[in-house]
Protein backbone atom coordinates (compact mmCIF):
# COMPACT_ATOMS: atom_id res chain seq x y z
CA MET A 1 -1.77 -4.96 -6.76
CA ILE A 2 -1.36 -1.99 -4.44
CA PRO A 3 1.63 0.05 -5.63
CA PRO A 4 4.23 0.62 -2.90
CA GLU A 5 4.33 4.10 -1.45
CA PRO A 6 7.30 6.23 -2.54
CA ASP A 7 10.35 5.76 -0.34
CA GLY A 8 9.90 7.43 3.01
CA LEU A 9 6.38 8.78 2.38
CA GLN A 10 4.68 6.80 5.14
CA HIS A 11 7.50 7.62 7.56
CA ARG A 12 7.17 11.33 6.75
CA ARG A 13 3.39 11.16 7.07
CA LEU A 14 3.62 9.66 10.55
CA GLY A 15 6.68 11.65 11.58
CA ARG A 16 4.69 14.83 10.91
CA LEU A 17 2.89 13.94 14.14
CA TRP A 18 5.40 12.25 16.41
CA ARG A 19 8.03 14.96 15.80
CA ASP A 20 5.56 17.73 16.67
CA THR A 21 6.59 18.85 20.17
CA THR A 22 3.42 20.96 20.57
CA ARG A 23 1.52 17.69 20.96
CA PHE A 24 3.11 16.82 24.28
CA SER A 25 1.13 17.33 27.47
CA GLY A 26 1.90 16.95 31.15
CA THR A 27 4.79 18.10 33.28
CA PRO A 28 8.26 17.54 31.78
CA PRO A 29 10.24 15.19 34.06
CA LYS A 30 13.25 16.46 35.92
CA ASP A 31 16.75 15.20 35.24
CA GLY A 32 17.16 11.59 36.23
CA GLU A 33 13.43 10.78 36.06
CA THR A 34 13.54 8.78 32.83
CA ARG A 35 11.86 5.78 34.45
CA GLU A 36 8.80 7.86 35.35
CA TYR A 37 8.74 9.75 32.05
CA LEU A 38 5.57 8.21 30.62
CA ASN A 39 3.74 8.74 33.89
CA LYS A 40 4.32 12.49 33.69
CA ARG A 41 4.50 13.26 30.00
CA SER A 42 2.38 12.11 27.05
CA HIS A 43 2.27 12.72 23.30
CA GLU A 44 -0.97 12.56 21.30
CA PHE A 45 0.56 10.05 18.92
CA VAL A 46 0.92 7.41 21.66
CA ASN A 47 -1.96 8.44 23.93
CA PRO A 48 -4.77 5.85 23.56
CA ARG A 49 -7.33 8.39 24.81
CA HIS A 50 -6.50 11.03 22.20
CA GLU A 51 -8.27 11.38 18.85
CA THR A 52 -4.89 11.67 17.07
CA TYR A 53 -4.02 8.14 18.22
CA LEU A 54 -7.48 6.97 17.16
CA THR A 55 -7.33 8.61 13.74
CA VAL A 56 -3.84 7.50 12.75
CA GLY A 57 -4.40 3.92 13.92
CA ALA A 58 -7.54 3.65 11.81
CA TRP A 59 -6.30 5.43 8.68
CA GLU A 60 -3.00 3.59 8.37
CA ASN A 61 -5.04 0.39 7.94
CA PHE A 62 -6.03 1.72 4.52
CA THR A 63 -2.50 1.08 3.24
CA LEU A 64 -3.65 -2.56 2.97
CA PHE A 65 -6.27 -1.81 0.33
CA GLU A 66 -6.55 -0.46 -3.19
CA PRO A 67 -7.73 3.19 -3.33
CA ASP A 68 -10.67 2.17 -5.52
CA GLN A 69 -11.87 -0.16 -2.75
CA TRP A 70 -11.97 2.23 0.16
CA ILE A 71 -12.22 5.82 -1.08
CA PRO A 72 -15.56 5.46 -2.93
CA ALA A 73 -16.84 3.33 -0.04
CA ILE A 74 -16.26 5.91 2.70
CA VAL A 75 -17.68 8.69 0.51
CA GLU A 76 -20.83 6.63 -0.09
CA LEU A 77 -21.14 5.72 3.59
CA ALA A 78 -21.00 9.44 4.35
CA GLY A 79 -24.08 9.99 2.17
CA LEU A 80 -22.26 11.61 -0.76
CA GLU A 81 -21.88 10.71 -4.42
CA PRO A 82 -18.81 8.45 -4.64
CA PRO A 83 -16.06 8.90 -7.23
CA SER A 84 -15.51 6.09 -9.71
CA GLU A 85 -12.37 4.19 -10.61
CA VAL A 86 -9.94 5.75 -8.15
CA VAL A 87 -6.47 4.77 -9.35
CA ASP A 88 -4.16 6.52 -6.89
CA CYS A 89 -4.16 8.52 -3.67
CA ARG A 90 -2.05 10.09 -0.95
CA TRP A 91 -2.98 11.46 2.43
CA SER A 92 -1.48 13.27 5.40
CA TYR A 93 -2.43 14.25 8.93
CA GLU A 94 -2.95 17.69 10.55
CA TRP A 95 -2.09 19.77 7.49
CA GLU A 96 -1.60 23.50 8.10
CA GLN A 97 -1.97 26.31 5.58
CA GLY A 98 1.06 28.51 4.96
CA GLU A 99 3.86 29.54 7.31
CA ASN A 100 1.45 30.97 9.87
CA GLY A 101 -1.38 28.61 9.08
CA ARG A 102 -3.88 27.25 11.51
CA PRO A 103 -4.50 23.50 11.88
CA MET A 104 -6.71 22.62 8.96
CA ALA A 105 -7.89 19.04 9.07
CA ASP A 106 -7.19 15.75 10.73
CA VAL A 107 -6.77 13.91 7.40
CA VAL A 108 -6.42 15.29 3.86
CA ILE A 109 -6.78 12.73 1.05
CA HIS A 110 -5.85 13.58 -2.55
CA TYR A 111 -6.96 11.09 -5.20
CA ARG A 112 -7.03 10.62 -8.97
CA ASP A 113 -9.71 8.81 -10.95
CA GLY A 114 -9.35 6.80 -14.15
CA ARG A 115 -9.85 9.90 -16.31
CA GLY A 116 -7.06 11.76 -14.54
CA VAL A 117 -9.50 13.99 -12.61
CA LEU A 118 -8.26 14.98 -9.15
CA GLY A 119 -10.42 14.95 -6.03
CA LEU A 120 -9.91 15.90 -2.41
CA LEU A 121 -11.42 14.57 0.81
CA VAL A 122 -10.97 16.39 4.09
CA ILE A 123 -11.67 14.29 7.18
CA GLU A 124 -12.59 16.02 10.42
CA ALA A 125 -12.31 13.38 13.14
CA LYS A 126 -14.03 13.65 16.51
CA ASN A 127 -12.90 11.58 19.45
CA LEU A 128 -15.20 8.92 20.87
CA GLY A 129 -17.80 10.51 23.10
CA LYS A 130 -17.77 13.83 21.22
CA THR A 131 -20.21 15.28 18.73
CA LEU A 132 -20.11 18.11 16.17
CA THR A 133 -20.10 21.54 17.78
CA GLY A 134 -19.11 25.08 16.86
CA ASP A 135 -19.68 27.28 13.85
CA LYS A 136 -16.82 25.82 11.78
CA ASN A 137 -18.53 22.41 11.83
CA GLN A 138 -21.62 24.00 10.31
CA ASN A 139 -19.62 25.40 7.41
CA PRO A 140 -17.77 23.03 5.02
CA GLY A 141 -16.15 26.03 3.38
CA TYR A 142 -14.12 26.60 6.54
CA TYR A 143 -12.20 23.48 5.59
CA LEU A 144 -12.63 23.22 1.82
CA ASP A 145 -12.33 26.75 0.42
CA GLN A 146 -8.61 27.24 0.92
CA ASP A 147 -6.37 28.30 -1.95
CA GLU A 148 -4.21 25.17 -1.84
CA PHE A 149 -7.27 22.92 -1.87
CA GLU A 150 -8.93 24.81 -4.72
CA GLU A 151 -5.75 24.51 -6.78
CA ALA A 152 -5.33 20.82 -5.98
CA ALA A 153 -8.79 19.55 -6.95
CA GLU A 154 -12.08 20.68 -8.42
CA SER A 155 -14.07 18.09 -6.46
CA ARG A 156 -13.71 18.69 -2.73
CA ARG A 157 -15.75 17.07 0.01
CA LEU A 158 -15.69 17.13 3.79
CA ILE A 159 -16.43 14.04 5.88
CA TYR A 160 -16.95 14.14 9.63
CA CYS A 161 -15.87 10.94 11.39
CA ILE A 162 -17.62 10.58 14.76
CA ASP A 163 -18.90 8.10 17.32
CA GLU A 164 -22.27 6.63 16.25
CA ALA A 165 -23.63 7.24 19.76
CA PHE A 166 -23.06 10.99 19.36
CA ILE A 167 -24.49 11.77 15.94
CA PRO A 168 -26.15 15.18 16.38
CA ASP A 169 -29.91 15.58 16.16
CA ASP A 170 -29.45 17.87 13.16
CA ALA A 171 -27.22 15.36 11.33
CA ALA A 172 -29.20 15.90 8.11
CA HIS A 173 -27.72 19.40 7.98
CA PHE A 174 -24.26 17.90 7.51
CA ILE A 175 -25.19 15.33 4.88
CA GLY A 176 -25.78 15.83 1.18
CA PRO A 177 -24.01 17.10 -1.94
CA GLN A 178 -25.51 20.57 -1.46
CA HIS A 179 -23.50 20.89 1.73
CA ARG A 180 -20.39 19.17 0.31
CA SER A 181 -20.19 17.27 3.57
CA GLY A 182 -21.32 14.04 5.18
CA ILE A 183 -20.89 11.88 8.26
CA ILE A 184 -19.26 8.49 8.73
CA THR A 185 -18.91 6.77 12.10
CA TRP A 186 -15.88 5.07 13.61
CA GLN A 187 -18.03 1.96 13.79
CA GLN A 188 -18.71 2.08 10.03
CA LEU A 189 -15.05 2.75 9.29
CA ALA A 190 -13.90 -0.32 11.22
CA GLY A 191 -16.67 -2.43 9.66
CA LEU A 192 -15.60 -1.35 6.17
CA GLN A 193 -11.99 -2.28 6.83
CA ILE A 194 -13.01 -5.70 8.15
CA LYS A 195 -15.09 -6.32 5.02
CA LEU A 196 -12.22 -5.24 2.78
CA ALA A 197 -9.84 -7.51 4.68
CA GLY A 198 -12.08 -10.41 3.74
CA GLN A 199 -11.55 -9.57 0.06
CA LEU A 200 -7.76 -9.32 0.06
CA PRO A 201 -6.04 -11.52 -2.56
CA VAL A 202 -4.16 -13.52 0.06
CA PRO A 203 -4.67 -16.98 1.65
CA PRO A 204 -7.81 -17.30 3.82
CA LEU A 205 -5.84 -17.62 7.05
CA ILE A 206 -4.11 -14.30 6.39
CA ARG A 207 -7.41 -12.63 5.51
CA ALA A 208 -8.88 -13.91 8.77
CA PHE A 209 -5.85 -12.74 10.76
CA ILE A 210 -6.00 -9.22 9.27
CA ALA A 211 -9.76 -8.92 9.81
CA GLY A 212 -9.41 -10.16 13.37
CA SER A 213 -6.54 -7.76 14.03
CA ILE A 214 -8.61 -4.80 12.80
CA GLN A 215 -11.50 -5.86 15.02
CA HIS A 216 -9.13 -6.26 17.98
CA GLN A 217 -7.74 -2.79 17.33
CA ALA A 218 -11.27 -1.38 17.31
CA ALA A 219 -12.23 -3.26 20.47
CA LEU A 220 -9.25 -1.81 22.35
CA ARG A 221 -10.65 1.63 21.52
CA GLY A 222 -14.19 0.74 22.61
CA ILE A 223 -15.54 0.53 19.04
CA LYS A 224 -17.91 -2.21 17.89
CA PRO A 225 -17.58 -2.41 14.09
CA THR A 226 -20.70 -2.55 11.96
CA ALA A 227 -19.31 -5.76 10.44
CA LEU A 228 -17.45 -8.37 12.48
CA ALA A 229 -14.49 -10.49 11.49
CA PHE A 230 -16.24 -13.87 11.94
CA GLU A 231 -19.88 -14.89 11.56
CA TYR A 232 -20.07 -16.66 14.92
CA LEU A 233 -19.37 -13.35 16.67
CA GLU A 234 -22.76 -12.05 15.54
CA THR A 235 -24.47 -14.29 18.11
CA GLU A 236 -21.69 -14.41 20.70
CA ARG A 237 -22.49 -12.90 24.09
CA SER A 238 -20.88 -9.68 25.18
CA MET A 239 -18.77 -9.69 28.35
CA ILE A 240 -21.61 -7.91 30.17
CA GLU A 241 -24.01 -10.67 29.11
CA VAL A 242 -21.54 -13.36 30.18
CA ASP A 243 -21.16 -11.68 33.56
CA GLN A 244 -24.91 -11.33 34.05
CA ALA A 245 -25.91 -14.78 32.76
CA LEU A 246 -28.32 -16.80 34.87
CA LYS A 247 -26.78 -19.62 36.86
CA GLU A 248 -28.15 -22.32 34.55
CA ASP A 249 -26.64 -20.55 31.51
CA ARG A 250 -23.13 -20.27 32.91
CA GLN A 251 -20.22 -22.45 31.87
CA LYS A 252 -20.22 -25.81 33.61
CA GLN A 253 -17.44 -28.21 34.57
CA PRO A 254 -17.86 -30.63 31.60
CA GLU A 255 -17.08 -27.76 29.22
CA ARG A 256 -13.84 -27.03 31.08
CA SER A 257 -12.89 -30.73 30.83
CA GLU A 258 -13.48 -31.01 27.08
CA GLN A 259 -10.27 -32.24 25.44
CA LEU A 260 -10.05 -29.56 22.79
CA TRP A 261 -6.30 -30.00 22.76
CA LYS A 262 -6.44 -33.66 21.65
CA LEU A 263 -5.61 -34.64 18.07
CA PRO A 264 -8.07 -37.01 16.35
CA GLU A 265 -7.13 -40.63 15.86
CA LEU A 266 -5.46 -41.38 12.53
CA ASP A 267 -7.56 -43.30 10.02
CA VAL A 268 -5.38 -46.30 9.16
CA SER A 269 -7.99 -48.12 7.09
């Protein structure tokens, strides 16, 4: 069973973001303009177009799963050697180094394996539609070689989480143990969570509901997971295909009259 998080840890993890007033944007409303507040002012934590909203929504799903299920899996998907038998972990968002520190990483994950060895994963998330740019993204040490990280874990890896449509042409440069870094896509991340939902030790209806909810969450963000919640979706048409279907392939009146609502007759024999 997944051990419960210490009292208040999840609240503090999330509050680190929503209580950060530097993450507001837009013109502050004048007195008496409460009704129009959200039209003029936005915070990254609740802005569906911001990568902070994207990252937190995806990562909090991992509270559903055992660390040994998801941590080795994302490391392997990123093209790196996965740890074995992960028994515990914690993570936080937008960690800064020291009193005058600069923003360090979107997600920092600290984990312990079955032998008691500590490891660290730093996740650098890129919003949908963005790729890896800038010198710091070419240098894992920019993220990994900080005093606090070196003291916390001997094994430290960096994983870039990006949109599959914007993987850079030189992606091989970012992948491999020699670089201590790798790439995972938002599509892979959602697909992994859907697969893990299907393995939860709960009744099938609950597993299906959780998997479907994760897929719905991804769809609202414009992400098509690499694995879908239900097999029939693999061959289901997209909305574009439905819209562009030939006349003879479109839904006809008999389908709309099918009595799907009707209970079957009882067998009294």
